[in-house]
Amino acid sequence: MATNEVLLVKPVEGLGGEGDQVRVRSGFARNYLLPRNIAVPVTRANRKHVDALKKRRGEREATELNGAQELARKLEKTGLAFAVKTGEGGKMFGAITANDIHDKLVAAGFTIDKRRIQLHTPVKTLGRHEVKVKLHADVTVDLGFDVVSENPIVAAPVEEVKPARAEKK
């Protein structure tokens, strides 16, 4: 397979950040990266341009890291509570998903992309739970939240088990 070396002008997920020199397949470079101005071919003039991009990238990453650390400090102090409807024995109707957590955070005044909330399975039980929020490559916060019943929990009735009769022959 033929490959090309290109200089990335914008960050590409799974490939590299701006200013990186990467080797990609020719078709990917020709059909995707170059027409969208995400990358440029490797030339002497382009290398100088990319050096300036690397400097901006370093400054931008430093400000993003500081912003993520500040947001992490605020999130650690935040507590969320979800009131859900329950049936007999405290069984929940529905589940708490990453979208629900995102909506609560937005209502609390935080601006976080919902893809950053790492809740792999929906929460279907009452009690205290934790979810990881990845704010930056180096900053992850464990956000705790409570799931409580909005109506009183009524114990489920227990059915008596009758002994089986012996069959007559």
N, C-alpha and C. Protein backbone atom coordinates (compact mmCIF):
# COMPACT_ATOMS: atom_id res chain seq x y z
N MET A 1 0.83 -1.18 0.00
CA MET A 1 0.00 0.00 0.00
C MET A 1 0.88 1.24 0.00
N ALA A 2 0.47 2.20 -0.79
CA ALA A 2 1.22 3.45 -0.88
C ALA A 2 0.87 4.35 0.29
N THR A 3 1.87 5.03 0.84
CA THR A 3 1.63 5.95 1.95
C THR A 3 2.22 7.31 1.63
N ASN A 4 1.68 8.31 2.29
CA ASN A 4 2.16 9.69 2.15
C ASN A 4 2.49 10.22 3.53
N GLU A 5 3.44 11.14 3.60
CA GLU A 5 3.70 11.85 4.84
C GLU A 5 3.06 13.23 4.70
N VAL A 6 2.28 13.58 5.72
CA VAL A 6 1.61 14.87 5.72
C VAL A 6 1.83 15.53 7.07
N LEU A 7 1.66 16.85 7.09
CA LEU A 7 1.73 17.62 8.32
C LEU A 7 0.30 18.00 8.70
N LEU A 8 -0.10 17.66 9.90
CA LEU A 8 -1.46 17.96 10.34
C LEU A 8 -1.58 19.43 10.73
N VAL A 9 -2.62 20.06 10.23
CA VAL A 9 -2.90 21.46 10.55
C VAL A 9 -3.91 21.53 11.69
N LYS A 10 -4.78 20.53 11.78
CA LYS A 10 -5.79 20.44 12.84
C LYS A 10 -5.64 19.08 13.51
N PRO A 11 -6.05 18.97 14.78
CA PRO A 11 -5.97 17.66 15.44
C PRO A 11 -6.95 16.66 14.85
N VAL A 12 -6.51 15.41 14.74
CA VAL A 12 -7.35 14.34 14.22
C VAL A 12 -7.36 13.23 15.27
N GLU A 13 -8.56 12.84 15.69
CA GLU A 13 -8.72 11.81 16.72
C GLU A 13 -8.06 10.51 16.27
N GLY A 14 -7.17 9.98 17.08
CA GLY A 14 -6.52 8.71 16.77
C GLY A 14 -5.35 8.82 15.83
N LEU A 15 -5.04 10.02 15.35
CA LEU A 15 -3.93 10.18 14.41
C LEU A 15 -2.86 11.10 14.96
N GLY A 16 -3.24 12.25 15.47
CA GLY A 16 -2.26 13.17 16.04
C GLY A 16 -2.83 14.56 16.20
N GLY A 17 -2.01 15.42 16.79
CA GLY A 17 -2.41 16.80 17.01
C GLY A 17 -1.85 17.70 15.93
N GLU A 18 -2.24 18.96 16.00
CA GLU A 18 -1.76 19.89 14.98
C GLU A 18 -0.24 20.04 15.09
N GLY A 19 0.41 20.06 13.95
CA GLY A 19 1.86 20.19 13.91
C GLY A 19 2.58 18.86 13.82
N ASP A 20 1.88 17.75 13.96
CA ASP A 20 2.51 16.44 13.89
C ASP A 20 2.72 16.02 12.44
N GLN A 21 3.85 15.36 12.20
CA GLN A 21 4.12 14.79 10.88
C GLN A 21 3.76 13.32 10.97
N VAL A 22 2.78 12.89 10.16
CA VAL A 22 2.29 11.51 10.24
C VAL A 22 2.33 10.85 8.87
N ARG A 23 2.42 9.52 8.89
CA ARG A 23 2.39 8.73 7.66
C ARG A 23 1.01 8.09 7.58
N VAL A 24 0.30 8.40 6.48
CA VAL A 24 -1.04 7.86 6.27
C VAL A 24 -1.12 7.26 4.88
N ARG A 25 -2.16 6.49 4.65
CA ARG A 25 -2.36 5.91 3.33
C ARG A 25 -2.69 7.01 2.33
N SER A 26 -2.28 6.82 1.12
CA SER A 26 -2.44 7.84 0.08
C SER A 26 -3.89 8.24 -0.12
N GLY A 27 -4.78 7.28 -0.15
CA GLY A 27 -6.20 7.58 -0.37
C GLY A 27 -6.79 8.41 0.76
N PHE A 28 -6.41 8.13 1.99
CA PHE A 28 -6.91 8.89 3.13
C PHE A 28 -6.43 10.34 3.04
N ALA A 29 -5.17 10.51 2.67
CA ALA A 29 -4.63 11.86 2.53
C ALA A 29 -5.31 12.58 1.36
N ARG A 30 -5.40 11.92 0.23
CA ARG A 30 -5.92 12.54 -0.99
C ARG A 30 -7.42 12.83 -0.90
N ASN A 31 -8.19 11.92 -0.30
CA ASN A 31 -9.64 12.04 -0.31
C ASN A 31 -10.23 12.70 0.93
N TYR A 32 -9.50 12.71 2.05
CA TYR A 32 -10.08 13.24 3.28
C TYR A 32 -9.26 14.39 3.86
N LEU A 33 -8.00 14.15 4.16
CA LEU A 33 -7.21 15.15 4.88
C LEU A 33 -6.91 16.40 4.06
N LEU A 34 -6.43 16.22 2.85
CA LEU A 34 -6.04 17.38 2.03
C LEU A 34 -7.23 18.23 1.57
N PRO A 35 -8.34 17.65 1.07
CA PRO A 35 -9.46 18.49 0.63
C PRO A 35 -10.12 19.28 1.77
N ARG A 36 -10.07 18.77 2.96
CA ARG A 36 -10.71 19.45 4.10
C ARG A 36 -9.74 20.38 4.83
N ASN A 37 -8.56 20.55 4.30
CA ASN A 37 -7.52 21.41 4.87
C ASN A 37 -7.18 21.00 6.31
N ILE A 38 -7.19 19.71 6.56
CA ILE A 38 -6.80 19.18 7.86
C ILE A 38 -5.29 18.93 7.87
N ALA A 39 -4.73 18.67 6.69
CA ALA A 39 -3.30 18.40 6.58
C ALA A 39 -2.76 19.05 5.32
N VAL A 40 -1.44 19.20 5.29
CA VAL A 40 -0.75 19.73 4.11
C VAL A 40 0.42 18.81 3.79
N PRO A 41 0.84 18.76 2.52
CA PRO A 41 1.98 17.91 2.18
C PRO A 41 3.26 18.41 2.86
N VAL A 42 4.21 17.52 3.02
CA VAL A 42 5.47 17.88 3.68
C VAL A 42 6.36 18.62 2.67
N THR A 43 6.55 19.93 2.89
CA THR A 43 7.48 20.74 2.11
C THR A 43 8.20 21.67 3.08
N ARG A 44 9.26 22.31 2.59
CA ARG A 44 10.03 23.19 3.47
C ARG A 44 9.18 24.37 3.96
N ALA A 45 8.40 24.97 3.05
CA ALA A 45 7.56 26.10 3.44
C ALA A 45 6.48 25.68 4.44
N ASN A 46 5.90 24.51 4.20
CA ASN A 46 4.86 24.02 5.11
C ASN A 46 5.42 23.69 6.49
N ARG A 47 6.68 23.23 6.55
CA ARG A 47 7.30 22.94 7.85
C ARG A 47 7.39 24.20 8.70
N LYS A 48 7.72 25.34 8.08
CA LYS A 48 7.81 26.60 8.83
C LYS A 48 6.43 27.00 9.35
N HIS A 49 5.43 26.81 8.51
CA HIS A 49 4.06 27.12 8.91
C HIS A 49 3.64 26.23 10.09
N VAL A 50 4.02 24.98 10.03
CA VAL A 50 3.63 24.03 11.07
C VAL A 50 4.39 24.30 12.37
N ASP A 51 5.59 24.82 12.30
CA ASP A 51 6.32 25.19 13.52
C ASP A 51 5.55 26.25 14.30
N ALA A 52 4.97 27.21 13.58
CA ALA A 52 4.14 28.22 14.24
C ALA A 52 2.90 27.57 14.84
N LEU A 53 2.33 26.57 14.16
CA LEU A 53 1.17 25.86 14.68
C LEU A 53 1.51 25.11 15.97
N LYS A 54 2.70 24.53 16.01
CA LYS A 54 3.12 23.80 17.22
C LYS A 54 3.20 24.73 18.42
N LYS A 55 3.69 25.93 18.19
CA LYS A 55 3.80 26.90 19.28
C LYS A 55 2.40 27.25 19.79
N ARG A 56 1.46 27.51 18.87
CA ARG A 56 0.08 27.81 19.27
C ARG A 56 -0.55 26.63 19.98
N ARG A 57 -0.24 25.42 19.51
CA ARG A 57 -0.79 24.21 20.11
C ARG A 57 -0.35 24.08 21.57
N GLY A 58 0.92 24.34 21.83
CA GLY A 58 1.43 24.26 23.20
C GLY A 58 0.71 25.25 24.11
N GLU A 59 0.52 26.47 23.63
CA GLU A 59 -0.19 27.48 24.42
C GLU A 59 -1.64 27.08 24.66
N ARG A 60 -2.30 26.58 23.61
CA ARG A 60 -3.70 26.18 23.72
C ARG A 60 -3.87 25.01 24.69
N GLU A 61 -2.97 24.03 24.62
CA GLU A 61 -3.07 22.87 25.51
C GLU A 61 -2.84 23.28 26.96
N ALA A 62 -1.96 24.24 27.19
CA ALA A 62 -1.73 24.71 28.56
C ALA A 62 -2.99 25.39 29.12
N THR A 63 -3.65 26.20 28.31
CA THR A 63 -4.87 26.86 28.78
C THR A 63 -6.01 25.85 28.97
N GLU A 64 -6.10 24.84 28.08
CA GLU A 64 -7.12 23.82 28.22
C GLU A 64 -6.91 23.01 29.50
N LEU A 65 -5.65 22.70 29.82
CA LEU A 65 -5.35 21.94 31.02
C LEU A 65 -5.72 22.75 32.27
N ASN A 66 -5.38 24.03 32.28
CA ASN A 66 -5.73 24.89 33.42
C ASN A 66 -7.25 24.98 33.59
N GLY A 67 -7.96 25.15 32.48
CA GLY A 67 -9.42 25.22 32.52
C GLY A 67 -10.03 23.92 33.01
N ALA A 68 -9.48 22.79 32.58
CA ALA A 68 -9.99 21.49 33.00
C ALA A 68 -9.75 21.27 34.48
N GLN A 69 -8.58 21.68 34.98
CA GLN A 69 -8.30 21.52 36.41
C GLN A 69 -9.22 22.39 37.26
N GLU A 70 -9.50 23.59 36.80
CA GLU A 70 -10.41 24.48 37.52
C GLU A 70 -11.83 23.90 37.55
N LEU A 71 -12.28 23.38 36.41
CA LEU A 71 -13.60 22.76 36.32
C LEU A 71 -13.66 21.51 37.19
N ALA A 72 -12.57 20.76 37.26
CA ALA A 72 -12.53 19.56 38.10
C ALA A 72 -12.70 19.92 39.57
N ARG A 73 -12.07 21.00 40.01
CA ARG A 73 -12.21 21.43 41.41
C ARG A 73 -13.67 21.79 41.71
N LYS A 74 -14.33 22.45 40.77
CA LYS A 74 -15.74 22.82 40.98
C LYS A 74 -16.64 21.58 40.98
N LEU A 75 -16.36 20.63 40.08
CA LEU A 75 -17.19 19.43 39.99
C LEU A 75 -17.07 18.55 41.23
N GLU A 76 -15.87 18.51 41.84
CA GLU A 76 -15.68 17.69 43.03
C GLU A 76 -16.55 18.17 44.18
N LYS A 77 -16.86 19.46 44.21
CA LYS A 77 -17.68 20.03 45.27
C LYS A 77 -19.17 19.87 44.99
N THR A 78 -19.51 19.43 43.78
CA THR A 78 -20.90 19.35 43.36
C THR A 78 -21.49 17.99 43.72
N GLY A 79 -22.71 18.01 44.23
CA GLY A 79 -23.44 16.77 44.49
C GLY A 79 -24.73 16.78 43.70
N LEU A 80 -25.03 15.69 43.06
CA LEU A 80 -26.26 15.58 42.28
C LEU A 80 -27.19 14.59 42.95
N ALA A 81 -28.48 14.82 42.84
CA ALA A 81 -29.48 13.88 43.36
C ALA A 81 -30.58 13.72 42.32
N PHE A 82 -30.98 12.50 42.10
CA PHE A 82 -32.05 12.18 41.16
C PHE A 82 -33.20 11.56 41.93
N ALA A 83 -34.38 12.15 41.83
CA ALA A 83 -35.58 11.59 42.44
C ALA A 83 -36.31 10.82 41.35
N VAL A 84 -36.50 9.53 41.58
CA VAL A 84 -37.12 8.67 40.57
C VAL A 84 -38.36 8.00 41.14
N LYS A 85 -39.25 7.61 40.25
CA LYS A 85 -40.44 6.88 40.67
C LYS A 85 -40.07 5.42 40.87
N THR A 86 -40.62 4.86 41.94
CA THR A 86 -40.32 3.47 42.23
C THR A 86 -41.61 2.70 42.45
N GLY A 87 -41.53 1.41 42.28
CA GLY A 87 -42.67 0.54 42.50
C GLY A 87 -42.49 -0.23 43.80
N GLU A 88 -43.10 -1.39 43.86
CA GLU A 88 -43.03 -2.21 45.07
C GLU A 88 -41.59 -2.64 45.34
N GLY A 89 -41.21 -2.56 46.57
CA GLY A 89 -39.87 -3.00 46.97
C GLY A 89 -38.76 -2.05 46.54
N GLY A 90 -39.10 -0.84 46.11
CA GLY A 90 -38.08 0.14 45.73
C GLY A 90 -37.50 -0.09 44.34
N LYS A 91 -38.20 -0.85 43.49
CA LYS A 91 -37.73 -1.10 42.13
C LYS A 91 -37.97 0.12 41.27
N MET A 92 -36.93 0.60 40.59
CA MET A 92 -37.03 1.81 39.77
C MET A 92 -37.78 1.56 38.48
N PHE A 93 -38.50 2.59 38.05
CA PHE A 93 -39.06 2.61 36.71
C PHE A 93 -38.07 3.38 35.85
N GLY A 94 -37.50 2.76 34.85
CA GLY A 94 -36.52 3.43 34.00
C GLY A 94 -35.13 3.34 34.59
N ALA A 95 -34.24 4.25 34.14
CA ALA A 95 -32.84 4.24 34.57
C ALA A 95 -32.27 5.65 34.46
N ILE A 96 -31.15 5.87 35.13
CA ILE A 96 -30.41 7.13 35.03
C ILE A 96 -29.31 6.91 33.99
N THR A 97 -29.29 7.74 32.95
CA THR A 97 -28.32 7.60 31.88
C THR A 97 -27.35 8.78 31.89
N ALA A 98 -26.36 8.71 31.02
CA ALA A 98 -25.39 9.81 30.89
C ALA A 98 -26.10 11.10 30.46
N ASN A 99 -27.15 10.99 29.65
CA ASN A 99 -27.92 12.18 29.25
C ASN A 99 -28.56 12.85 30.46
N ASP A 100 -29.10 12.05 31.38
CA ASP A 100 -29.71 12.61 32.58
C ASP A 100 -28.68 13.35 33.42
N ILE A 101 -27.51 12.76 33.57
CA ILE A 101 -26.43 13.39 34.34
C ILE A 101 -26.00 14.68 33.65
N HIS A 102 -25.89 14.65 32.34
CA HIS A 102 -25.50 15.84 31.57
C HIS A 102 -26.53 16.95 31.77
N ASP A 103 -27.81 16.60 31.71
CA ASP A 103 -28.86 17.61 31.89
C ASP A 103 -28.79 18.25 33.27
N LYS A 104 -28.53 17.44 34.31
CA LYS A 104 -28.40 17.98 35.67
C LYS A 104 -27.20 18.91 35.77
N LEU A 105 -26.08 18.54 35.14
CA LEU A 105 -24.89 19.38 35.19
C LEU A 105 -25.12 20.71 34.46
N VAL A 106 -25.82 20.67 33.34
CA VAL A 106 -26.12 21.90 32.60
C VAL A 106 -27.04 22.78 33.44
N ALA A 107 -28.02 22.17 34.11
CA ALA A 107 -28.92 22.94 34.97
C ALA A 107 -28.16 23.56 36.14
N ALA A 108 -27.07 22.90 36.58
CA ALA A 108 -26.26 23.43 37.68
C ALA A 108 -25.27 24.49 37.20
N GLY A 109 -25.21 24.73 35.89
CA GLY A 109 -24.36 25.80 35.37
C GLY A 109 -23.04 25.34 34.78
N PHE A 110 -22.85 24.04 34.58
CA PHE A 110 -21.61 23.54 33.99
C PHE A 110 -21.81 23.32 32.50
N THR A 111 -20.77 23.60 31.72
CA THR A 111 -20.82 23.31 30.29
C THR A 111 -19.82 22.20 30.01
N ILE A 112 -20.37 20.99 29.88
CA ILE A 112 -19.55 19.80 29.64
C ILE A 112 -20.17 19.05 28.48
N ASP A 113 -19.32 18.57 27.59
CA ASP A 113 -19.79 17.74 26.48
C ASP A 113 -20.25 16.40 27.05
N LYS A 114 -21.43 15.93 26.66
CA LYS A 114 -21.97 14.71 27.26
C LYS A 114 -21.15 13.47 26.90
N ARG A 115 -20.34 13.54 25.87
CA ARG A 115 -19.48 12.40 25.54
C ARG A 115 -18.35 12.24 26.55
N ARG A 116 -18.11 13.26 27.35
CA ARG A 116 -17.06 13.18 28.38
C ARG A 116 -17.52 12.42 29.62
N ILE A 117 -18.83 12.21 29.76
CA ILE A 117 -19.37 11.48 30.90
C ILE A 117 -19.28 9.99 30.58
N GLN A 118 -18.51 9.27 31.38
CA GLN A 118 -18.24 7.86 31.09
C GLN A 118 -19.08 6.96 31.99
N LEU A 119 -20.35 6.82 31.63
CA LEU A 119 -21.27 5.92 32.32
C LEU A 119 -21.55 4.79 31.35
N HIS A 120 -20.95 3.63 31.60
CA HIS A 120 -21.01 2.54 30.62
C HIS A 120 -22.35 1.81 30.62
N THR A 121 -22.98 1.69 31.79
CA THR A 121 -24.29 1.07 31.86
C THR A 121 -25.23 1.98 32.65
N PRO A 122 -26.47 2.09 32.25
CA PRO A 122 -27.41 2.95 32.98
C PRO A 122 -27.59 2.46 34.42
N VAL A 123 -27.84 3.40 35.33
CA VAL A 123 -28.02 3.09 36.74
C VAL A 123 -29.48 2.71 36.97
N LYS A 124 -29.69 1.51 37.51
CA LYS A 124 -31.06 1.02 37.71
C LYS A 124 -31.36 0.69 39.17
N THR A 125 -30.51 1.18 40.09
CA THR A 125 -30.73 0.90 41.51
C THR A 125 -30.68 2.20 42.30
N LEU A 126 -31.35 2.19 43.44
CA LEU A 126 -31.31 3.33 44.34
C LEU A 126 -29.99 3.33 45.10
N GLY A 127 -29.60 4.51 45.58
CA GLY A 127 -28.39 4.58 46.40
C GLY A 127 -27.38 5.56 45.84
N ARG A 128 -26.15 5.45 46.35
CA ARG A 128 -25.04 6.33 45.96
C ARG A 128 -24.27 5.67 44.82
N HIS A 129 -23.99 6.45 43.78
CA HIS A 129 -23.26 5.95 42.62
C HIS A 129 -22.19 6.97 42.23
N GLU A 130 -21.21 6.51 41.46
CA GLU A 130 -20.17 7.41 40.95
C GLU A 130 -20.03 7.21 39.45
N VAL A 131 -19.65 8.31 38.79
CA VAL A 131 -19.41 8.28 37.35
C VAL A 131 -18.12 9.05 37.09
N LYS A 132 -17.35 8.61 36.11
CA LYS A 132 -16.13 9.31 35.74
C LYS A 132 -16.44 10.35 34.67
N VAL A 133 -15.89 11.54 34.84
CA VAL A 133 -16.02 12.60 33.85
C VAL A 133 -14.61 12.95 33.40
N LYS A 134 -14.32 12.68 32.13
CA LYS A 134 -12.97 12.93 31.59
C LYS A 134 -12.97 14.31 30.95
N LEU A 135 -12.37 15.27 31.64
CA LEU A 135 -12.37 16.65 31.18
C LEU A 135 -11.22 16.94 30.24
N HIS A 136 -10.12 16.20 30.39
CA HIS A 136 -8.91 16.42 29.60
C HIS A 136 -8.17 15.09 29.60
N ALA A 137 -7.18 14.95 28.75
CA ALA A 137 -6.42 13.71 28.71
C ALA A 137 -5.77 13.41 30.06
N ASP A 138 -5.43 14.45 30.82
CA ASP A 138 -4.77 14.27 32.11
C ASP A 138 -5.69 14.53 33.30
N VAL A 139 -6.93 14.94 33.08
CA VAL A 139 -7.82 15.32 34.18
C VAL A 139 -9.12 14.50 34.10
N THR A 140 -9.33 13.67 35.13
CA THR A 140 -10.55 12.88 35.25
C THR A 140 -11.12 13.09 36.64
N VAL A 141 -12.44 13.27 36.72
CA VAL A 141 -13.10 13.53 38.00
C VAL A 141 -14.09 12.41 38.28
N ASP A 142 -14.12 11.93 39.53
CA ASP A 142 -15.15 11.00 39.97
C ASP A 142 -16.29 11.83 40.56
N LEU A 143 -17.42 11.83 39.87
CA LEU A 143 -18.58 12.62 40.29
C LEU A 143 -19.58 11.69 40.97
N GLY A 144 -19.90 11.98 42.21
CA GLY A 144 -20.85 11.17 42.95
C GLY A 144 -22.26 11.71 42.81
N PHE A 145 -23.23 10.81 42.76
CA PHE A 145 -24.64 11.24 42.70
C PHE A 145 -25.50 10.22 43.44
N ASP A 146 -26.61 10.72 43.95
CA ASP A 146 -27.55 9.88 44.69
C ASP A 146 -28.80 9.65 43.86
N VAL A 147 -29.33 8.44 43.95
CA VAL A 147 -30.60 8.11 43.32
C VAL A 147 -31.55 7.76 44.46
N VAL A 148 -32.60 8.57 44.61
CA VAL A 148 -33.55 8.38 45.71
C VAL A 148 -34.95 8.23 45.15
N SER A 149 -35.82 7.62 45.95
CA SER A 149 -37.20 7.42 45.56
C SER A 149 -38.00 8.68 45.88
N GLU A 150 -38.87 9.09 44.96
CA GLU A 150 -39.71 10.26 45.24
C GLU A 150 -40.98 9.89 45.96
N ASN A 151 -41.29 8.60 46.03
CA ASN A 151 -42.44 8.15 46.80
C ASN A 151 -41.95 7.12 47.83
N PRO A 152 -42.70 6.94 48.93
CA PRO A 152 -42.24 6.01 49.97
C PRO A 152 -42.15 4.58 49.43
N ILE A 153 -41.14 3.89 49.91
CA ILE A 153 -40.92 2.52 49.44
C ILE A 153 -41.82 1.58 50.24
N VAL A 154 -42.62 0.80 49.50
CA VAL A 154 -43.52 -0.17 50.11
C VAL A 154 -42.94 -1.54 49.84
N ALA A 155 -42.82 -2.33 50.90
CA ALA A 155 -42.26 -3.67 50.73
C ALA A 155 -43.19 -4.52 49.87
N ALA A 156 -42.60 -5.32 49.02
CA ALA A 156 -43.38 -6.19 48.15
C ALA A 156 -43.99 -7.30 49.00
N PRO A 157 -45.27 -7.65 48.76
CA PRO A 157 -45.88 -8.74 49.53
C PRO A 157 -45.20 -10.06 49.22
N VAL A 158 -44.96 -10.83 50.28
CA VAL A 158 -44.30 -12.13 50.11
C VAL A 158 -45.37 -13.20 50.05
N GLU A 159 -45.34 -14.01 49.01
CA GLU A 159 -46.30 -15.09 48.86
C GLU A 159 -45.81 -16.31 49.62
N GLU A 160 -46.74 -16.98 50.32
CA GLU A 160 -46.37 -18.18 51.04
C GLU A 160 -46.26 -19.32 50.05
N VAL A 161 -45.26 -20.14 50.26
CA VAL A 161 -45.06 -21.30 49.40
C VAL A 161 -45.71 -22.49 50.09
N LYS A 162 -46.67 -23.11 49.41
CA LYS A 162 -47.36 -24.27 49.98
C LYS A 162 -46.58 -25.53 49.63
N PRO A 163 -46.50 -26.47 50.59
CA PRO A 163 -45.78 -27.71 50.29
C PRO A 163 -46.54 -28.50 49.22
N ALA A 164 -45.79 -29.14 48.36
CA ALA A 164 -46.40 -29.92 47.28
C ALA A 164 -47.04 -31.17 47.87
N ARG A 165 -48.19 -31.56 47.35
CA ARG A 165 -48.89 -32.76 47.81
C ARG A 165 -48.27 -33.98 47.16
N ALA A 166 -48.27 -35.02 47.90
CA ALA A 166 -47.80 -36.29 47.34
C ALA A 166 -48.94 -36.86 46.49
N GLU A 167 -48.62 -37.32 45.34
CA GLU A 167 -49.62 -37.88 44.45
C GLU A 167 -49.95 -39.31 44.85
N LYS A 168 -51.23 -39.66 44.76
CA LYS A 168 -51.68 -41.03 45.09
C LYS A 168 -51.73 -41.85 43.83
N LYS A 169 -51.36 -43.10 43.95
CA LYS A 169 -51.40 -44.00 42.81
C LYS A 169 -52.50 -44.97 42.90
